[in-house]
C-alpha atoms as a PDB file:
ATOM      1  CA  UNK A   1       0.000   0.000   0.000  1.00  0.00           C
ATOM      2  CA  UNK A   2       1.344   3.424  -0.900  1.00  0.00           C
ATOM      3  CA  UNK A   3       1.571   6.311   1.485  1.00  0.00           C
ATOM      4  CA  UNK A   4      -1.268   8.198  -0.209  1.00  0.00           C
ATOM      5  CA  UNK A   5      -3.536   5.168   0.263  1.00  0.00           C
ATOM      6  CA  UNK A   6      -2.619   5.044   3.942  1.00  0.00           C
ATOM      7  CA  UNK A   7      -3.308   8.769   4.329  1.00  0.00           C
ATOM      8  CA  UNK A   8      -6.678   8.411   2.631  1.00  0.00           C
ATOM      9  CA  UNK A   9      -7.649   5.456   4.842  1.00  0.00           C
ATOM     10  CA  UNK A  10      -6.627   7.351   7.988  1.00  0.00           C
ATOM     11  CA  UNK A  11      -8.745  10.338   6.976  1.00  0.00           C
ATOM     12  CA  UNK A  12     -11.960   8.250   6.852  1.00  0.00           C
ATOM     13  CA  UNK A  13     -14.455   8.381   9.652  1.00  0.00           C
ATOM     14  CA  UNK A  14     -15.660   5.128  11.243  1.00  0.00           C
ATOM     15  CA  UNK A  15     -18.831   5.222   9.125  1.00  0.00           C
ATOM     16  CA  UNK A  16     -16.814   5.738   5.951  1.00  0.00           C
ATOM     17  CA  UNK A  17     -14.502   2.867   6.828  1.00  0.00           C
ATOM     18  CA  UNK A  18     -17.476   0.588   7.502  1.00  0.00           C
ATOM     19  CA  UNK A  19     -19.053   1.584   4.166  1.00  0.00           C
ATOM     20  CA  UNK A  20     -15.811   0.947   2.296  1.00  0.00           C
ATOM     21  CA  UNK A  21     -15.320  -2.384   4.056  1.00  0.00           C
ATOM     22  CA  UNK A  22     -18.839  -3.376   2.995  1.00  0.00           C
ATOM     23  CA  UNK A  23     -18.015  -2.511  -0.608  1.00  0.00           C
ATOM     24  CA  UNK A  24     -14.660  -4.299  -0.443  1.00  0.00           C
ATOM     25  CA  UNK A  25     -16.217  -7.531   0.812  1.00  0.00           C
ATOM     26  CA  UNK A  26     -16.701  -9.665  -2.282  1.00  0.00           C
ATOM     27  CA  UNK A  27     -20.227 -10.951  -2.502  1.00  0.00           C
ATOM     28  CA  UNK A  28     -20.806 -14.613  -3.076  1.00  0.00           C
ATOM     29  CA  UNK A  29     -22.795 -15.767  -6.060  1.00  0.00           C
ATOM     30  CA  UNK A  30     -25.814 -16.397  -3.834  1.00  0.00           C
ATOM     31  CA  UNK A  31     -25.747 -12.835  -2.496  1.00  0.00           C
ATOM     32  CA  UNK A  32     -25.424 -11.423  -5.997  1.00  0.00           C
ATOM     33  CA  UNK A  33     -28.410 -13.472  -7.148  1.00  0.00           C
ATOM     34  CA  UNK A  34     -30.427 -12.375  -4.112  1.00  0.00           C
ATOM     35  CA  UNK A  35     -29.464  -8.739  -4.753  1.00  0.00           C
ATOM     36  CA  UNK A  36     -31.115  -8.856  -8.162  1.00  0.00           C
ATOM     37  CA  UNK A  37     -34.466  -9.375  -6.437  1.00  0.00           C
ATOM     38  CA  UNK A  38     -34.155  -6.142  -4.429  1.00  0.00           C
ATOM     39  CA  UNK A  39     -33.763  -3.602  -7.241  1.00  0.00           C
ATOM     40  CA  UNK A  40     -36.384  -1.756  -9.204  1.00  0.00           C
ATOM     41  CA  UNK A  41     -36.519  -4.606 -11.749  1.00  0.00           C
ATOM     42  CA  UNK A  42     -37.147  -7.313  -9.143  1.00  0.00           C
ATOM     43  CA  UNK A  43     -40.475  -8.321 -10.693  1.00  0.00           C
ATOM     44  CA  UNK A  44     -38.822  -8.791 -14.095  1.00  0.00           C
ATOM     45  CA  UNK A  45     -36.064 -10.912 -12.554  1.00  0.00           C
ATOM     46  CA  UNK A  46     -38.620 -13.056 -10.754  1.00  0.00           C
ATOM     47  CA  UNK A  47     -40.544 -13.463 -13.997  1.00  0.00           C
ATOM     48  CA  UNK A  48     -37.325 -14.457 -15.795  1.00  0.00           C
ATOM     49  CA  UNK A  49     -36.675 -17.121 -13.157  1.00  0.00           C
ATOM     50  CA  UNK A  50     -40.196 -18.509 -13.604  1.00  0.00           C
ATOM     51  CA  UNK A  51     -39.808 -18.563 -17.398  1.00  0.00           C
ATOM     52  CA  UNK A  52     -36.388 -20.166 -16.990  1.00  0.00           C
ATOM     53  CA  UNK A  53     -37.843 -22.963 -14.879  1.00  0.00           C
ATOM     54  CA  UNK A  54     -40.692 -23.496 -17.359  1.00  0.00           C
ATOM     55  CA  UNK A  55     -38.249 -23.615 -20.277  1.00  0.00           C
ATOM     56  CA  UNK A  56     -36.010 -26.057 -18.411  1.00  0.00           C
ATOM     57  CA  UNK A  57     -38.908 -28.415 -17.750  1.00  0.00           C
ATOM     58  CA  UNK A  58     -40.058 -28.087 -21.379  1.00  0.00           C
ATOM     59  CA  UNK A  59     -36.535 -28.775 -22.661  1.00  0.00           C
ATOM     60  CA  UNK A  60     -36.153 -31.892 -20.523  1.00  0.00           C
ATOM     61  CA  UNK A  61     -39.569 -33.202 -21.582  1.00  0.00           C
ATOM     62  CA  UNK A  62     -38.826 -32.548 -25.270  1.00  0.00           C
ATOM     63  CA  UNK A  63     -35.410 -34.204 -24.993  1.00  0.00           C
ATOM     64  CA  UNK A  64     -36.929 -37.221 -23.239  1.00  0.00           C
ATOM     65  CA  UNK A  65     -39.605 -37.573 -25.904  1.00  0.00           C
ATOM     66  CA  UNK A  66     -36.936 -37.177 -28.598  1.00  0.00           C
ATOM     67  CA  UNK A  67     -34.990 -40.105 -27.167  1.00  0.00           C
ATOM     68  CA  UNK A  68     -38.046 -42.348 -26.919  1.00  0.00           C
ATOM     69  CA  UNK A  69     -39.507 -41.628 -30.378  1.00  0.00           C
ATOM     70  CA  UNK A  70     -39.294 -44.029 -33.359  1.00  0.00           C
ATOM     71  CA  UNK A  71     -40.725 -41.895 -36.133  1.00  0.00           C
ATOM     72  CA  UNK A  72     -38.205 -39.570 -37.831  1.00  0.00           C
ATOM     73  CA  UNK A  73     -40.630 -36.669 -38.313  1.00  0.00           C
ATOM     74  CA  UNK A  74     -41.722 -36.591 -34.669  1.00  0.00           C
ATOM     75  CA  UNK A  75     -38.094 -37.011 -33.568  1.00  0.00           C
ATOM     76  CA  UNK A  76     -37.256 -33.867 -35.534  1.00  0.00           C
ATOM     77  CA  UNK A  77     -40.149 -31.987 -33.948  1.00  0.00           C
ATOM     78  CA  UNK A  78     -39.218 -33.045 -30.394  1.00  0.00           C
ATOM     79  CA  UNK A  79     -35.556 -32.267 -31.097  1.00  0.00           C
ATOM     80  CA  UNK A  80     -36.422 -28.803 -32.429  1.00  0.00           C
ATOM     81  CA  UNK A  81     -38.593 -28.192 -29.383  1.00  0.00           C
ATOM     82  CA  UNK A  82     -35.764 -29.203 -27.065  1.00  0.00           C
ATOM     83  CA  UNK A  83     -33.253 -27.051 -28.953  1.00  0.00           C
ATOM     84  CA  UNK A  84     -35.536 -23.999 -28.875  1.00  0.00           C
ATOM     85  CA  UNK A  85     -36.292 -24.462 -25.192  1.00  0.00           C
ATOM     86  CA  UNK A  86     -32.587 -24.772 -24.345  1.00  0.00           C
ATOM     87  CA  UNK A  87     -31.838 -21.730 -26.513  1.00  0.00           C
ATOM     88  CA  UNK A  88     -34.505 -19.685 -24.725  1.00  0.00           C
ATOM     89  CA  UNK A  89     -33.147 -20.828 -21.371  1.00  0.00           C
ATOM     90  CA  UNK A  90     -29.630 -19.814 -22.394  1.00  0.00           C
ATOM     91  CA  UNK A  91     -30.881 -16.356 -23.417  1.00  0.00           C
ATOM     92  CA  UNK A  92     -32.616 -15.857 -20.078  1.00  0.00           C
ATOM     93  CA  UNK A  93     -29.499 -16.957 -18.190  1.00  0.00           C
ATOM     94  CA  UNK A  94     -27.288 -14.605 -20.218  1.00  0.00           C
ATOM     95  CA  UNK A  95     -29.627 -11.678 -19.555  1.00  0.00           C
ATOM     96  CA  UNK A  96     -29.764 -12.508 -15.861  1.00  0.00           C
ATOM     97  CA  UNK A  97     -25.984 -12.748 -15.487  1.00  0.00           C
ATOM     98  CA  UNK A  98     -25.534  -9.501 -17.416  1.00  0.00           C
ATOM     99  CA  UNK A  99     -27.888  -7.871 -14.913  1.00  0.00           C
ATOM    100  CA  UNK A 100     -25.826  -9.290 -12.043  1.00  0.00           C
ATOM    101  CA  UNK A 101     -22.620  -7.954 -13.575  1.00  0.00           C
ATOM    102  CA  UNK A 102     -24.151  -4.521 -14.123  1.00  0.00           C
ATOM    103  CA  UNK A 103     -24.937  -4.464 -10.399  1.00  0.00           C
ATOM    104  CA  UNK A 104     -21.295  -5.330  -9.697  1.00  0.00           C
ATOM    105  CA  UNK A 105     -20.101  -2.530 -12.000  1.00  0.00           C
ATOM    106  CA  UNK A 106     -22.419  -0.049 -10.268  1.00  0.00           C
ATOM    107  CA  UNK A 107     -21.011  -1.146  -6.919  1.00  0.00           C
ATOM    108  CA  UNK A 108     -17.462  -0.521  -8.180  1.00  0.00           C
ATOM    109  CA  UNK A 109     -18.451   2.898  -9.525  1.00  0.00           C
ATOM    110  CA  UNK A 110     -19.871   3.794  -6.120  1.00  0.00           C
ATOM    111  CA  UNK A 111     -16.596   2.716  -4.539  1.00  0.00           C
ATOM    112  CA  UNK A 112     -14.580   4.898  -6.921  1.00  0.00           C
ATOM    113  CA  UNK A 113     -16.923   7.871  -6.379  1.00  0.00           C
ATOM    114  CA  UNK A 114     -16.536   7.470  -2.633  1.00  0.00           C
ATOM    115  CA  UNK A 115     -12.762   7.339  -2.865  1.00  0.00           C
ATOM    116  CA  UNK A 116     -12.667  10.384  -5.151  1.00  0.00           C
ATOM    117  CA  UNK A 117     -14.867  12.326  -2.752  1.00  0.00           C
ATOM    118  CA  UNK A 118     -12.665  11.292   0.169  1.00  0.00           C
ATOM    119  CA  UNK A 119      -9.514  12.226  -1.715  1.00  0.00           C
ATOM    120  CA  UNK A 120     -11.049  15.556  -2.696  1.00  0.00           C
ATOM    121  CA  UNK A 121     -11.878  16.303   0.929  1.00  0.00           C
ATOM    122  CA  UNK A 122      -8.353  15.299   1.919  1.00  0.00           C
ATOM    123  CA  UNK A 123      -6.805  17.550  -0.736  1.00  0.00           C
ATOM    124  CA  UNK A 124      -9.065  20.465   0.236  1.00  0.00           C
ATOM    125  CA  UNK A 125      -8.094  19.989   3.873  1.00  0.00           C
ATOM    126  CA  UNK A 126      -4.398  19.880   2.999  1.00  0.00           C
ATOM    127  CA  UNK A 127      -4.599  22.932   0.729  1.00  0.00           C
ATOM    128  CA  UNK A 128      -6.307  25.048   3.378  1.00  0.00           C
ATOM    129  CA  UNK A 129      -3.820  23.948   6.040  1.00  0.00           C
ATOM    130  CA  UNK A 130      -0.653  24.494   4.007  1.00  0.00           C
ATOM    131  CA  UNK A 131      -0.635  27.088   1.222  1.00  0.00           C
ATOM    132  CA  UNK A 132       1.196  26.117  -1.962  1.00  0.00           C
ATOM    133  CA  UNK A 133       4.576  27.779  -2.543  1.00  0.00           C
ATOM    134  CA  UNK A 134       4.536  29.111  -6.124  1.00  0.00           C
ATOM    135  CA  UNK A 135       8.272  29.794  -6.208  1.00  0.00           C
ATOM    136  CA  UNK A 136       8.954  26.150  -7.103  1.00  0.00           C
ATOM    137  CA  UNK A 137       6.463  25.961  -9.963  1.00  0.00           C
ATOM    138  CA  UNK A 138       7.324  26.416 -13.630  1.00  0.00           C
ATOM    139  CA  UNK A 139       5.674  29.841 -13.788  1.00  0.00           C
ATOM    140  CA  UNK A 140       8.006  31.304 -11.169  1.00  0.00           C
ATOM    141  CA  UNK A 141      11.071  29.799 -12.860  1.00  0.00           C
ATOM    142  CA  UNK A 142      10.086  31.127 -16.294  1.00  0.00           C
ATOM    143  CA  UNK A 143      10.240  34.740 -15.167  1.00  0.00           C
END
């Protein structure tokens, strides 16, 4: 850890440190899944889970019927049904995991915003406590 990181961490209040520790704690997959049911799109996520379960059952039934069929035409129909059901299930899963990852990205953005605000407060506090000497800057040396 660099010295600036240590100075930033020391400048945090207890509440800020607790908030940052909460953000730093990596959520398990189960917590991330549960978090998707607490947002403003919780009803859509619940509906996607229901459709996912229905598609899974339909895919298994179609695959089972495909394996037990003797006629080529009905085998093709059951196989197409199973393929479409599995494809729909895969689409729902991809959408759901993209939603979970967008929640993770938002959490990281909040962490960065918090650290920028803390660093800004630290810099403002340091600039008011110790004025900057302009004799060492390029403008003073150019004269």
